[in-house]
Amino acid sequence: MQFMLLFSRQGKLRLQKWYQPYQDKVKKKITRELITTILSRKPKMCSFLEWRDVKIVYKRYASLYFCCAIQQDENELLTLEIIHRFVELLDKYFGSVCELDIIFNFEKAYFMLDEFLLGGEVQETSKKNVLKAIAAQDLLQEEETPQGFFEDHGLG
């Protein structure tokens, strides 16, 4: 996988993960072109498309589009399964994930993606293991900011 993008029906980018090096200018251009292309497609159209020298695999869940770019020789159905597994993980953690969950907890979404995929390849197939790692991270985060820390410093 070369990259994964999450964006809304309005075309707002919510999450992006690049597994190949691109310049920022090129990333923005790719993102803009893909969002426009995918949003202009009809719902009954195929979720795979040939774009430049890669294959694009995308799936819409509620108001979010999950989009991945893969090499020509990679399996599109496997990529759809990867997207679906990521959505299942998000659903399990957030309890029926929505766009607002991604907006307000983007660091959790990125952490979950990093636990699930490494370098564009599936690192952990077990949902239970990924969610355990997230729970451990949540515990660490709670320990680092003790209760009352913000109030003590006049921030709460």
C-alpha atoms as a PDB file:
ATOM      1  CA  MET A   1       0.000   0.000   0.000  1.00  0.00           C
ATOM      2  CA  GLN A   2       1.315   3.438  -0.886  1.00  0.00           C
ATOM      3  CA  PHE A   3      -1.084   5.561   1.141  1.00  0.00           C
ATOM      4  CA  MET A   4      -4.436   5.667   2.901  1.00  0.00           C
ATOM      5  CA  LEU A   5      -6.804   8.635   2.965  1.00  0.00           C
ATOM      6  CA  LEU A   6      -9.983   9.197   4.950  1.00  0.00           C
ATOM      7  CA  PHE A   7     -12.241  12.009   3.833  1.00  0.00           C
ATOM      8  CA  SER A   8     -15.813  13.168   4.265  1.00  0.00           C
ATOM      9  CA  ARG A   9     -18.606  13.457   1.691  1.00  0.00           C
ATOM     10  CA  GLN A  10     -17.880  17.189   1.680  1.00  0.00           C
ATOM     11  CA  GLY A  11     -14.291  16.503   0.589  1.00  0.00           C
ATOM     12  CA  LYS A  12     -12.625  17.331   3.926  1.00  0.00           C
ATOM     13  CA  LEU A  13      -9.529  15.243   4.579  1.00  0.00           C
ATOM     14  CA  ARG A  14      -9.805  13.611   8.020  1.00  0.00           C
ATOM     15  CA  LEU A  15      -6.818  11.268   8.107  1.00  0.00           C
ATOM     16  CA  GLN A  16      -3.878  10.552   5.816  1.00  0.00           C
ATOM     17  CA  LYS A  17      -1.064   8.051   6.060  1.00  0.00           C
ATOM     18  CA  TRP A  18       1.688   7.914   3.440  1.00  0.00           C
ATOM     19  CA  TYR A  19       3.853   4.806   3.131  1.00  0.00           C
ATOM     20  CA  GLN A  20       5.877   6.102   0.163  1.00  0.00           C
ATOM     21  CA  PRO A  21       7.845   9.362   0.196  1.00  0.00           C
ATOM     22  CA  TYR A  22       6.159  12.226  -1.646  1.00  0.00           C
ATOM     23  CA  GLN A  23       6.782  15.957  -1.475  1.00  0.00           C
ATOM     24  CA  ASP A  24       4.084  17.932   0.356  1.00  0.00           C
ATOM     25  CA  LYS A  25       3.066  19.685  -2.842  1.00  0.00           C
ATOM     26  CA  VAL A  26       2.584  16.337  -4.592  1.00  0.00           C
ATOM     27  CA  LYS A  27       0.635  14.930  -1.611  1.00  0.00           C
ATOM     28  CA  LYS A  28      -1.772  17.860  -1.737  1.00  0.00           C
ATOM     29  CA  LYS A  29      -2.247  17.459  -5.490  1.00  0.00           C
ATOM     30  CA  ILE A  30      -2.824  13.698  -5.220  1.00  0.00           C
ATOM     31  CA  THR A  31      -5.269  14.207  -2.341  1.00  0.00           C
ATOM     32  CA  ARG A  32      -7.226  16.917  -4.151  1.00  0.00           C
ATOM     33  CA  GLU A  33      -7.433  14.915  -7.406  1.00  0.00           C
ATOM     34  CA  LEU A  34      -8.473  11.677  -5.716  1.00  0.00           C
ATOM     35  CA  ILE A  35     -11.099  13.279  -3.498  1.00  0.00           C
ATOM     36  CA  THR A  36     -12.645  15.020  -6.515  1.00  0.00           C
ATOM     37  CA  THR A  37     -12.520  11.852  -8.622  1.00  0.00           C
ATOM     38  CA  ILE A  38     -14.034   9.579  -5.975  1.00  0.00           C
ATOM     39  CA  LEU A  39     -16.730  12.022  -4.875  1.00  0.00           C
ATOM     40  CA  SER A  40     -17.849  12.470  -8.494  1.00  0.00           C
ATOM     41  CA  ARG A  41     -18.397   8.715  -8.934  1.00  0.00           C
ATOM     42  CA  LYS A  42     -21.880   7.254  -8.607  1.00  0.00           C
ATOM     43  CA  PRO A  43     -22.635   4.958  -5.615  1.00  0.00           C
ATOM     44  CA  LYS A  44     -23.226   1.878  -7.807  1.00  0.00           C
ATOM     45  CA  MET A  45     -19.866   2.221  -9.567  1.00  0.00           C
ATOM     46  CA  CYS A  46     -16.971  -0.137  -8.876  1.00  0.00           C
ATOM     47  CA  SER A  47     -14.779   0.651  -5.851  1.00  0.00           C
ATOM     48  CA  PHE A  48     -11.585   0.050  -7.833  1.00  0.00           C
ATOM     49  CA  LEU A  49     -10.072   2.428 -10.327  1.00  0.00           C
ATOM     50  CA  GLU A  50      -6.887   2.701 -12.311  1.00  0.00           C
ATOM     51  CA  TRP A  51      -5.281   6.039 -11.555  1.00  0.00           C
ATOM     52  CA  ARG A  52      -1.882   7.077 -12.884  1.00  0.00           C
ATOM     53  CA  ASP A  53       0.409   4.102 -12.204  1.00  0.00           C
ATOM     54  CA  VAL A  54      -1.523   2.734  -9.183  1.00  0.00           C
ATOM     55  CA  LYS A  55      -4.833   1.117  -8.375  1.00  0.00           C
ATOM     56  CA  ILE A  56      -7.184   2.996  -6.089  1.00  0.00           C
ATOM     57  CA  VAL A  57      -9.440   1.006  -3.784  1.00  0.00           C
ATOM     58  CA  TYR A  58     -12.059   2.891  -1.829  1.00  0.00           C
ATOM     59  CA  LYS A  59     -15.131   2.211   0.282  1.00  0.00           C
ATOM     60  CA  ARG A  60     -17.720   4.508   1.789  1.00  0.00           C
ATOM     61  CA  TYR A  61     -18.890   3.920   5.339  1.00  0.00           C
ATOM     62  CA  ALA A  62     -21.624   6.363   6.435  1.00  0.00           C
ATOM     63  CA  SER A  63     -20.212   9.843   5.747  1.00  0.00           C
ATOM     64  CA  LEU A  64     -16.553   8.770   5.428  1.00  0.00           C
ATOM     65  CA  TYR A  65     -14.624   7.481   2.443  1.00  0.00           C
ATOM     66  CA  PHE A  66     -11.636   5.201   3.058  1.00  0.00           C
ATOM     67  CA  CYS A  67      -9.253   5.257   0.105  1.00  0.00           C
ATOM     68  CA  CYS A  68      -6.045   3.266  -0.483  1.00  0.00           C
ATOM     69  CA  ALA A  69      -3.512   3.300  -3.305  1.00  0.00           C
ATOM     70  CA  ILE A  70      -1.871  -0.017  -4.127  1.00  0.00           C
ATOM     71  CA  GLN A  71       0.581  -1.343  -6.705  1.00  0.00           C
ATOM     72  CA  GLN A  72      -0.771  -2.800  -9.929  1.00  0.00           C
ATOM     73  CA  ASP A  73       0.088  -6.356  -8.841  1.00  0.00           C
ATOM     74  CA  GLU A  74      -1.571  -6.134  -5.397  1.00  0.00           C
ATOM     75  CA  ASN A  75      -4.950  -7.677  -4.618  1.00  0.00           C
ATOM     76  CA  GLU A  76      -7.884  -5.228  -4.564  1.00  0.00           C
ATOM     77  CA  LEU A  77     -10.129  -7.527  -2.531  1.00  0.00           C
ATOM     78  CA  LEU A  78      -7.482  -7.903   0.140  1.00  0.00           C
ATOM     79  CA  THR A  79      -7.229  -4.113   0.298  1.00  0.00           C
ATOM     80  CA  LEU A  80     -11.012  -3.876   0.733  1.00  0.00           C
ATOM     81  CA  GLU A  81     -10.666  -6.344   3.619  1.00  0.00           C
ATOM     82  CA  ILE A  82      -7.921  -4.183   5.168  1.00  0.00           C
ATOM     83  CA  ILE A  83     -10.201  -1.135   4.935  1.00  0.00           C
ATOM     84  CA  HIS A  84     -13.067  -3.122   6.452  1.00  0.00           C
ATOM     85  CA  ARG A  85     -10.874  -4.414   9.297  1.00  0.00           C
ATOM     86  CA  PHE A  86      -9.743  -0.856  10.097  1.00  0.00           C
ATOM     87  CA  VAL A  87     -13.385   0.283  10.176  1.00  0.00           C
ATOM     88  CA  GLU A  88     -14.233  -2.660  12.474  1.00  0.00           C
ATOM     89  CA  LEU A  89     -11.414  -1.616  14.800  1.00  0.00           C
ATOM     90  CA  LEU A  90     -12.640   1.971  14.854  1.00  0.00           C
ATOM     91  CA  ASP A  91     -16.211   0.769  15.477  1.00  0.00           C
ATOM     92  CA  LYS A  92     -15.149  -1.491  18.317  1.00  0.00           C
ATOM     93  CA  TYR A  93     -13.120   1.250  20.006  1.00  0.00           C
ATOM     94  CA  PHE A  94     -15.494   4.185  19.503  1.00  0.00           C
ATOM     95  CA  GLY A  95     -18.730   2.199  19.501  1.00  0.00           C
ATOM     96  CA  SER A  96     -20.151   2.860  16.025  1.00  0.00           C
ATOM     97  CA  VAL A  97     -17.540   5.299  14.741  1.00  0.00           C
ATOM     98  CA  CYS A  98     -18.599   8.550  13.093  1.00  0.00           C
ATOM     99  CA  GLU A  99     -16.785  11.449  11.489  1.00  0.00           C
ATOM    100  CA  LEU A 100     -16.752  13.421  14.758  1.00  0.00           C
ATOM    101  CA  ASP A 101     -14.906  10.565  16.515  1.00  0.00           C
ATOM    102  CA  ILE A 102     -12.137  10.838  13.924  1.00  0.00           C
ATOM    103  CA  ILE A 103     -12.058  14.649  14.160  1.00  0.00           C
ATOM    104  CA  PHE A 104     -11.861  14.838  17.966  1.00  0.00           C
ATOM    105  CA  ASN A 105      -9.767  11.699  18.513  1.00  0.00           C
ATOM    106  CA  PHE A 106      -7.533  11.729  15.446  1.00  0.00           C
ATOM    107  CA  GLU A 107      -4.477  10.690  17.499  1.00  0.00           C
ATOM    108  CA  LYS A 108      -6.296   7.484  18.531  1.00  0.00           C
ATOM    109  CA  ALA A 109      -7.251   6.791  14.914  1.00  0.00           C
ATOM    110  CA  TYR A 110      -3.626   7.248  13.823  1.00  0.00           C
ATOM    111  CA  PHE A 111      -2.361   5.082  16.675  1.00  0.00           C
ATOM    112  CA  MET A 112      -4.857   2.362  15.755  1.00  0.00           C
ATOM    113  CA  LEU A 113      -3.796   2.536  12.109  1.00  0.00           C
ATOM    114  CA  ASP A 114      -0.129   2.283  13.131  1.00  0.00           C
ATOM    115  CA  GLU A 115      -0.863  -0.751  15.316  1.00  0.00           C
ATOM    116  CA  PHE A 116      -2.748  -2.394  12.461  1.00  0.00           C
ATOM    117  CA  LEU A 117      -0.548  -1.448   9.474  1.00  0.00           C
ATOM    118  CA  LEU A 118       3.217  -1.060   9.393  1.00  0.00           C
ATOM    119  CA  GLY A 119       4.864   0.311   6.267  1.00  0.00           C
ATOM    120  CA  GLY A 120       1.667  -0.248   4.307  1.00  0.00           C
ATOM    121  CA  GLU A 121       1.497  -3.939   5.213  1.00  0.00           C
ATOM    122  CA  VAL A 122      -0.765  -5.642   7.748  1.00  0.00           C
ATOM    123  CA  GLN A 123       1.149  -5.938  11.000  1.00  0.00           C
ATOM    124  CA  GLU A 124      -1.525  -7.392  13.277  1.00  0.00           C
ATOM    125  CA  THR A 125      -4.553  -9.350  12.075  1.00  0.00           C
ATOM    126  CA  SER A 126      -6.110  -9.812  15.499  1.00  0.00           C
ATOM    127  CA  LYS A 127      -8.627  -7.119  16.425  1.00  0.00           C
ATOM    128  CA  LYS A 128      -8.291  -8.166  20.053  1.00  0.00           C
ATOM    129  CA  ASN A 129      -4.509  -7.563  20.064  1.00  0.00           C
ATOM    130  CA  VAL A 130      -4.817  -4.157  18.403  1.00  0.00           C
ATOM    131  CA  LEU A 131      -7.503  -3.100  20.877  1.00  0.00           C
ATOM    132  CA  LYS A 132      -5.333  -4.364  23.782  1.00  0.00           C
ATOM    133  CA  ALA A 133      -2.502  -2.134  22.565  1.00  0.00           C
ATOM    134  CA  ILE A 134      -4.894   0.815  22.359  1.00  0.00           C
ATOM    135  CA  ALA A 135      -6.179   0.123  25.875  1.00  0.00           C
ATOM    136  CA  ALA A 136      -2.583  -0.039  27.173  1.00  0.00           C
ATOM    137  CA  GLN A 137      -1.855   3.275  25.449  1.00  0.00           C
ATOM    138  CA  ASP A 138      -4.963   4.811  27.026  1.00  0.00           C
ATOM    139  CA  LEU A 139      -3.778   3.667  30.472  1.00  0.00           C
ATOM    140  CA  LEU A 140      -0.343   5.194  29.875  1.00  0.00           C
ATOM    141  CA  GLN A 141      -1.901   8.443  28.763  1.00  0.00           C
ATOM    142  CA  GLU A 142      -4.106   8.572  31.886  1.00  0.00           C
ATOM    143  CA  GLU A 143      -1.085   7.964  34.123  1.00  0.00           C
ATOM    144  CA  GLU A 144       0.889  10.764  32.454  1.00  0.00           C
ATOM    145  CA  THR A 145      -1.772  13.405  33.125  1.00  0.00           C
ATOM    146  CA  PRO A 146      -2.889  12.900  36.712  1.00  0.00           C
ATOM    147  CA  GLN A 147      -6.379  13.887  37.764  1.00  0.00           C
ATOM    148  CA  GLY A 148      -6.455  17.552  38.697  1.00  0.00           C
ATOM    149  CA  PHE A 149      -3.285  18.468  36.768  1.00  0.00           C
ATOM    150  CA  PHE A 150      -5.085  20.979  34.563  1.00  0.00           C
ATOM    151  CA  GLU A 151      -7.052  22.466  37.456  1.00  0.00           C
ATOM    152  CA  ASP A 152      -3.855  22.888  39.507  1.00  0.00           C
ATOM    153  CA  HIS A 153      -2.294  24.913  36.702  1.00  0.00           C
ATOM    154  CA  GLY A 154      -5.358  27.060  36.056  1.00  0.00           C
ATOM    155  CA  LEU A 155      -6.145  25.350  32.754  1.00  0.00           C
ATOM    156  CA  GLY A 156      -9.350  23.549  33.640  1.00  0.00           C
END
